[in-house]
């Protein structure tokens, strides 16, 4: 059975308002995030300098590049993050996806953690026409 793109929560962008109801657990998560001060219009992603030539990136990037072959002909991005949630390496299959990820602040040096009182989320952008 094929997933219904209207009802399938993976296909929808959140937290943007949607006429389609979110799953109860997702709606509860967003409500808690808003109550704790998360801004749905701005992720507030922190930035740090990343050593693109670090041993971590040199070891991880080739593994991800080999996996990229499985994602051929898809709008896909591969990213390597360290233990702190900092994006240390990113590649994507299409320029449009590159622009969307940059707009979502999902770039090398961006840090997204759920420590403290805020929650930061990067949205999976799909070809559903909502990106």
N, C-alpha and C. Protein backbone atom coordinates (compact mmCIF):
# COMPACT_ATOMS: atom_id res chain seq x y z
N UNK A 1 0.84 -1.18 0.00
CA UNK A 1 0.00 0.00 0.00
C UNK A 1 0.88 1.24 0.00
N UNK A 2 0.60 2.16 -0.89
CA UNK A 2 1.40 3.37 -1.02
C UNK A 2 0.95 4.42 0.00
N UNK A 3 1.91 5.13 0.58
CA UNK A 3 1.59 6.14 1.59
C UNK A 3 0.84 7.30 0.95
N UNK A 4 -0.16 7.79 1.65
CA UNK A 4 -0.91 8.95 1.20
C UNK A 4 -0.09 10.19 1.53
N UNK A 5 0.37 10.97 0.50
CA UNK A 5 1.23 12.12 0.78
C UNK A 5 0.54 13.21 1.58
N UNK A 6 -0.78 13.23 1.60
CA UNK A 6 -1.50 14.24 2.38
C UNK A 6 -1.54 13.86 3.85
N UNK A 7 -1.74 12.59 4.14
CA UNK A 7 -1.88 12.15 5.52
C UNK A 7 -0.57 11.64 6.13
N UNK A 8 0.41 11.35 5.31
CA UNK A 8 1.68 10.81 5.79
C UNK A 8 2.49 11.92 6.44
N UNK A 9 2.74 11.87 7.77
CA UNK A 9 3.46 12.95 8.44
C UNK A 9 4.89 13.13 7.95
N UNK A 10 5.48 12.11 7.36
CA UNK A 10 6.84 12.25 6.85
C UNK A 10 6.86 13.17 5.64
N UNK A 11 5.78 13.23 4.91
CA UNK A 11 5.72 14.03 3.69
C UNK A 11 5.37 15.49 3.96
N UNK A 12 4.95 15.82 5.16
CA UNK A 12 4.56 17.19 5.46
C UNK A 12 5.71 17.94 6.11
N UNK A 13 5.77 19.24 5.83
CA UNK A 13 6.73 20.09 6.52
C UNK A 13 6.09 20.58 7.80
N UNK A 14 6.78 20.48 8.87
CA UNK A 14 6.31 21.01 10.13
C UNK A 14 7.39 21.93 10.65
N UNK A 15 7.12 22.95 11.35
CA UNK A 15 5.90 23.26 12.06
C UNK A 15 4.94 24.18 11.32
N UNK A 16 5.15 24.45 10.05
CA UNK A 16 4.28 25.35 9.32
C UNK A 16 2.82 24.90 9.47
N UNK A 17 1.92 25.88 9.62
CA UNK A 17 0.51 25.51 9.77
C UNK A 17 0.06 24.66 8.59
N UNK A 18 -0.75 23.70 8.87
CA UNK A 18 -1.21 22.79 7.84
C UNK A 18 -2.68 22.46 8.09
N UNK A 19 -3.46 22.38 7.01
CA UNK A 19 -4.85 22.00 7.20
C UNK A 19 -4.99 20.53 7.60
N UNK A 20 -3.93 19.78 7.45
CA UNK A 20 -3.94 18.36 7.79
C UNK A 20 -3.49 18.22 9.24
N UNK A 21 -4.21 17.42 10.00
CA UNK A 21 -3.85 17.22 11.40
C UNK A 21 -2.56 16.44 11.53
N UNK A 22 -1.74 16.87 12.48
CA UNK A 22 -0.50 16.15 12.78
C UNK A 22 -0.82 14.97 13.68
N UNK A 23 0.07 13.98 13.65
CA UNK A 23 -0.06 12.90 14.62
C UNK A 23 -0.02 13.50 16.01
N UNK A 24 -0.72 12.89 16.93
CA UNK A 24 -0.84 13.43 18.29
C UNK A 24 0.53 13.62 18.95
N UNK A 25 1.46 12.66 18.80
CA UNK A 25 2.76 12.79 19.45
C UNK A 25 3.58 13.93 18.86
N UNK A 26 3.46 14.15 17.55
CA UNK A 26 4.19 15.26 16.92
C UNK A 26 3.60 16.59 17.36
N UNK A 27 2.28 16.70 17.36
CA UNK A 27 1.63 17.94 17.79
C UNK A 27 2.00 18.25 19.24
N UNK A 28 2.04 17.24 20.10
CA UNK A 28 2.42 17.44 21.50
C UNK A 28 3.86 17.93 21.61
N UNK A 29 4.74 17.37 20.80
CA UNK A 29 6.14 17.79 20.82
C UNK A 29 6.28 19.25 20.42
N UNK A 30 5.58 19.66 19.36
CA UNK A 30 5.65 21.07 18.93
C UNK A 30 5.03 21.99 19.98
N UNK A 31 3.96 21.56 20.61
CA UNK A 31 3.34 22.39 21.65
C UNK A 31 4.33 22.59 22.81
N UNK A 32 4.99 21.53 23.24
CA UNK A 32 5.99 21.66 24.31
C UNK A 32 7.14 22.57 23.88
N UNK A 33 7.57 22.44 22.64
CA UNK A 33 8.66 23.29 22.14
C UNK A 33 8.24 24.76 22.17
N UNK A 34 7.03 25.06 21.71
CA UNK A 34 6.55 26.45 21.72
C UNK A 34 6.43 26.96 23.16
N UNK A 35 5.94 26.12 24.07
CA UNK A 35 5.81 26.52 25.47
C UNK A 35 7.16 26.84 26.09
N UNK A 36 8.21 26.23 25.59
CA UNK A 36 9.56 26.45 26.12
C UNK A 36 10.31 27.53 25.34
N UNK A 37 9.61 28.21 24.43
CA UNK A 37 10.20 29.35 23.75
C UNK A 37 10.75 29.09 22.37
N UNK A 38 10.55 27.91 21.82
CA UNK A 38 11.04 27.65 20.45
C UNK A 38 10.23 28.48 19.47
N UNK A 39 10.90 29.08 18.52
CA UNK A 39 10.26 29.91 17.51
C UNK A 39 10.13 29.11 16.23
N UNK A 40 8.91 28.89 15.77
CA UNK A 40 8.74 28.07 14.57
C UNK A 40 9.23 28.77 13.31
N UNK A 41 9.40 30.09 13.36
CA UNK A 41 9.87 30.83 12.19
C UNK A 41 11.37 31.01 12.16
N UNK A 42 12.05 30.71 13.24
CA UNK A 42 13.49 30.85 13.28
C UNK A 42 14.09 29.76 14.14
N UNK A 43 14.98 29.00 13.57
CA UNK A 43 15.53 27.87 14.29
C UNK A 43 16.56 28.26 15.33
N UNK A 44 17.19 29.42 15.17
CA UNK A 44 18.19 29.83 16.13
C UNK A 44 19.35 28.86 16.22
N UNK A 45 19.72 28.31 15.09
CA UNK A 45 20.78 27.32 15.06
C UNK A 45 22.11 28.00 15.34
N UNK A 46 22.88 27.46 16.27
CA UNK A 46 24.19 28.00 16.57
C UNK A 46 25.18 27.66 15.47
N UNK A 47 26.26 28.41 15.40
CA UNK A 47 27.30 28.18 14.40
C UNK A 47 28.65 28.09 15.08
N UNK A 48 29.46 27.17 14.60
CA UNK A 48 30.84 27.04 15.06
C UNK A 48 31.73 26.82 13.85
N UNK A 49 33.01 27.08 14.01
CA UNK A 49 33.96 26.77 12.95
C UNK A 49 34.19 25.27 12.90
N UNK A 50 34.24 24.73 11.70
CA UNK A 50 34.44 23.30 11.51
C UNK A 50 35.74 23.08 10.75
N UNK A 51 36.53 22.14 11.21
CA UNK A 51 37.75 21.76 10.51
C UNK A 51 37.39 20.72 9.45
N UNK A 52 37.26 21.17 8.21
CA UNK A 52 36.85 20.28 7.11
C UNK A 52 37.90 19.21 6.83
N UNK A 53 39.09 19.37 7.37
CA UNK A 53 40.16 18.40 7.15
C UNK A 53 40.45 17.59 8.41
N UNK A 54 39.50 17.56 9.34
CA UNK A 54 39.72 16.81 10.58
C UNK A 54 39.72 15.31 10.29
N UNK A 55 40.29 14.55 11.20
CA UNK A 55 40.32 13.09 11.05
C UNK A 55 38.89 12.53 10.99
N UNK A 56 37.98 13.13 11.75
CA UNK A 56 36.59 12.69 11.76
C UNK A 56 35.95 12.83 10.37
N UNK A 57 36.13 13.98 9.76
CA UNK A 57 35.56 14.22 8.43
C UNK A 57 36.27 13.35 7.39
N UNK A 58 37.59 13.25 7.49
CA UNK A 58 38.33 12.42 6.53
C UNK A 58 37.91 10.96 6.61
N UNK A 59 37.53 10.50 7.78
CA UNK A 59 37.09 9.10 7.93
C UNK A 59 35.62 8.92 7.54
N UNK A 60 34.78 9.86 7.91
CA UNK A 60 33.35 9.70 7.70
C UNK A 60 32.84 10.04 6.31
N UNK A 61 33.37 11.09 5.70
CA UNK A 61 32.86 11.54 4.41
C UNK A 61 32.97 10.48 3.32
N UNK A 62 34.08 9.77 3.19
CA UNK A 62 34.15 8.74 2.15
C UNK A 62 33.11 7.63 2.32
N UNK A 63 32.80 7.30 3.55
CA UNK A 63 31.78 6.27 3.80
C UNK A 63 30.43 6.76 3.30
N UNK A 64 30.11 8.00 3.61
CA UNK A 64 28.84 8.56 3.16
C UNK A 64 28.80 8.72 1.65
N UNK A 65 29.91 9.10 1.05
CA UNK A 65 29.94 9.23 -0.41
C UNK A 65 29.69 7.89 -1.09
N UNK A 66 30.20 6.81 -0.51
CA UNK A 66 29.92 5.48 -1.08
C UNK A 66 28.43 5.15 -0.96
N UNK A 67 27.82 5.56 0.11
CA UNK A 67 26.38 5.31 0.30
C UNK A 67 25.53 6.16 -0.64
N UNK A 68 26.08 7.25 -1.14
CA UNK A 68 25.32 8.14 -2.02
C UNK A 68 24.82 7.44 -3.26
N UNK A 69 25.52 6.42 -3.71
CA UNK A 69 25.08 5.68 -4.89
C UNK A 69 23.70 5.06 -4.72
N UNK A 70 23.34 4.73 -3.49
CA UNK A 70 22.03 4.15 -3.23
C UNK A 70 20.92 5.19 -3.35
N UNK A 71 21.29 6.46 -3.34
CA UNK A 71 20.31 7.53 -3.37
C UNK A 71 20.24 8.22 -4.73
N UNK A 72 20.83 7.60 -5.74
CA UNK A 72 20.83 8.19 -7.08
C UNK A 72 19.40 8.46 -7.53
N UNK A 73 19.24 9.53 -8.27
CA UNK A 73 17.95 9.93 -8.82
C UNK A 73 16.93 10.28 -7.74
N UNK A 74 17.39 10.72 -6.60
CA UNK A 74 16.49 11.18 -5.54
C UNK A 74 16.96 12.55 -5.07
N UNK A 75 16.08 13.31 -4.50
CA UNK A 75 16.46 14.57 -3.87
C UNK A 75 16.92 14.20 -2.47
N UNK A 76 18.22 14.05 -2.30
CA UNK A 76 18.74 13.55 -1.03
C UNK A 76 19.94 14.36 -0.57
N UNK A 77 20.12 14.37 0.72
CA UNK A 77 21.29 15.00 1.32
C UNK A 77 21.89 14.01 2.31
N UNK A 78 23.19 14.00 2.35
CA UNK A 78 23.91 13.21 3.35
C UNK A 78 24.69 14.19 4.22
N UNK A 79 24.66 13.96 5.51
CA UNK A 79 25.36 14.85 6.43
C UNK A 79 26.07 14.03 7.49
N UNK A 80 27.18 14.57 7.94
CA UNK A 80 27.97 13.97 9.01
C UNK A 80 27.95 14.96 10.17
N UNK A 81 27.49 14.50 11.32
CA UNK A 81 27.48 15.36 12.50
C UNK A 81 28.32 14.71 13.59
N UNK A 82 28.91 15.56 14.41
CA UNK A 82 29.71 15.02 15.51
C UNK A 82 28.82 14.79 16.73
N UNK A 83 29.41 14.41 17.83
CA UNK A 83 28.65 14.07 19.04
C UNK A 83 27.89 15.25 19.62
N UNK A 84 28.27 16.47 19.28
CA UNK A 84 27.58 17.65 19.80
C UNK A 84 26.43 18.08 18.90
N UNK A 85 26.23 17.41 17.77
CA UNK A 85 25.17 17.79 16.84
C UNK A 85 25.62 18.80 15.81
N UNK A 86 26.92 19.04 15.71
CA UNK A 86 27.44 19.99 14.74
C UNK A 86 27.63 19.31 13.39
N UNK A 87 27.09 19.94 12.35
CA UNK A 87 27.26 19.41 11.00
C UNK A 87 28.70 19.66 10.58
N UNK A 88 29.42 18.58 10.29
CA UNK A 88 30.83 18.71 9.92
C UNK A 88 31.05 18.51 8.42
N UNK A 89 30.05 17.96 7.75
CA UNK A 89 30.17 17.67 6.31
C UNK A 89 28.77 17.47 5.76
N UNK A 90 28.53 17.96 4.53
CA UNK A 90 27.22 17.81 3.92
C UNK A 90 27.36 17.76 2.41
N UNK A 91 26.60 16.88 1.78
CA UNK A 91 26.51 16.81 0.32
C UNK A 91 25.06 16.58 -0.05
N UNK A 92 24.63 17.12 -1.17
CA UNK A 92 23.28 16.94 -1.63
C UNK A 92 23.26 16.70 -3.13
N UNK A 93 22.16 16.15 -3.61
CA UNK A 93 22.08 15.70 -4.99
C UNK A 93 21.63 16.78 -5.96
N UNK A 94 20.99 17.82 -5.49
CA UNK A 94 20.43 18.83 -6.39
C UNK A 94 20.67 20.23 -5.85
N UNK A 95 20.82 21.20 -6.77
CA UNK A 95 21.03 22.59 -6.35
C UNK A 95 19.84 23.14 -5.58
N UNK A 96 18.63 22.76 -6.01
CA UNK A 96 17.44 23.24 -5.30
C UNK A 96 17.46 22.77 -3.84
N UNK A 97 17.90 21.56 -3.63
CA UNK A 97 17.99 21.03 -2.27
C UNK A 97 19.08 21.77 -1.48
N UNK A 98 20.16 22.10 -2.14
CA UNK A 98 21.22 22.89 -1.50
C UNK A 98 20.66 24.20 -0.98
N UNK A 99 19.88 24.90 -1.80
CA UNK A 99 19.28 26.17 -1.39
C UNK A 99 18.33 25.98 -0.21
N UNK A 100 17.52 24.93 -0.27
CA UNK A 100 16.57 24.67 0.82
C UNK A 100 17.29 24.36 2.13
N UNK A 101 18.33 23.57 2.06
CA UNK A 101 19.08 23.24 3.27
C UNK A 101 19.78 24.47 3.83
N UNK A 102 20.33 25.31 2.96
CA UNK A 102 20.95 26.54 3.42
C UNK A 102 19.91 27.44 4.09
N UNK A 103 18.73 27.53 3.48
CA UNK A 103 17.66 28.35 4.05
C UNK A 103 17.23 27.82 5.42
N UNK A 104 17.27 26.51 5.59
CA UNK A 104 16.90 25.89 6.87
C UNK A 104 18.06 25.91 7.86
N UNK A 105 19.16 26.56 7.50
CA UNK A 105 20.35 26.68 8.34
C UNK A 105 21.00 25.33 8.62
N UNK A 106 20.83 24.40 7.71
CA UNK A 106 21.47 23.08 7.84
C UNK A 106 22.73 23.10 6.99
N UNK A 107 23.81 23.63 7.56
CA UNK A 107 25.06 23.81 6.84
C UNK A 107 26.22 23.43 7.75
N UNK A 108 27.38 23.26 7.16
CA UNK A 108 28.56 22.93 7.96
C UNK A 108 28.76 24.00 9.03
N UNK A 109 28.97 23.54 10.23
CA UNK A 109 29.15 24.45 11.35
C UNK A 109 27.88 24.70 12.14
N UNK A 110 26.73 24.35 11.57
CA UNK A 110 25.47 24.53 12.28
C UNK A 110 25.38 23.48 13.38
N UNK A 111 24.89 23.91 14.52
CA UNK A 111 24.75 23.01 15.66
C UNK A 111 23.30 22.98 16.09
N UNK A 112 22.76 21.81 16.18
CA UNK A 112 21.38 21.65 16.66
C UNK A 112 21.39 20.62 17.76
N UNK A 113 21.02 21.04 18.93
CA UNK A 113 20.93 20.12 20.05
C UNK A 113 19.59 20.31 20.73
N UNK A 114 19.26 19.41 21.60
CA UNK A 114 18.02 19.54 22.37
C UNK A 114 18.35 19.74 23.84
N UNK A 115 19.53 20.27 24.12
CA UNK A 115 19.90 20.55 25.50
C UNK A 115 19.19 21.80 25.99
N UNK A 116 18.99 21.87 27.25
CA UNK A 116 18.39 23.06 27.84
C UNK A 116 16.91 23.16 27.53
N UNK A 117 16.45 24.39 27.35
CA UNK A 117 15.02 24.62 27.21
C UNK A 117 14.56 24.77 25.77
N UNK A 118 15.43 24.68 24.82
CA UNK A 118 15.00 24.88 23.44
C UNK A 118 15.12 23.59 22.66
N UNK A 119 14.39 23.54 21.60
CA UNK A 119 14.45 22.38 20.71
C UNK A 119 14.63 22.91 19.31
N UNK A 120 15.60 22.38 18.60
CA UNK A 120 15.85 22.83 17.24
C UNK A 120 15.63 21.65 16.32
N UNK A 121 14.96 21.90 15.24
CA UNK A 121 14.62 20.82 14.32
C UNK A 121 14.96 21.24 12.91
N UNK A 122 15.57 20.33 12.19
CA UNK A 122 15.77 20.53 10.77
C UNK A 122 14.73 19.72 10.04
N UNK A 123 14.13 20.35 9.08
CA UNK A 123 13.01 19.74 8.39
C UNK A 123 13.50 18.94 7.19
N UNK A 124 12.96 17.76 7.03
CA UNK A 124 13.24 16.95 5.86
C UNK A 124 12.43 17.51 4.71
N UNK A 125 13.12 18.05 3.72
CA UNK A 125 12.45 18.64 2.57
C UNK A 125 12.28 17.59 1.50
N UNK A 126 11.08 17.46 1.01
CA UNK A 126 10.82 16.44 0.00
C UNK A 126 10.29 17.08 -1.26
N UNK A 127 10.04 16.28 -2.24
CA UNK A 127 9.49 16.76 -3.51
C UNK A 127 7.97 16.80 -3.47
N UNK A 128 7.41 16.97 -2.32
CA UNK A 128 5.95 16.95 -2.19
C UNK A 128 5.32 18.23 -2.70
N UNK A 129 6.15 19.19 -3.12
CA UNK A 129 5.61 20.45 -3.58
C UNK A 129 5.51 21.48 -2.48
N UNK A 130 5.88 21.11 -1.27
CA UNK A 130 5.78 22.03 -0.14
C UNK A 130 7.09 22.73 0.15
N UNK A 131 8.18 22.32 -0.49
CA UNK A 131 9.50 22.89 -0.21
C UNK A 131 9.63 24.24 -0.87
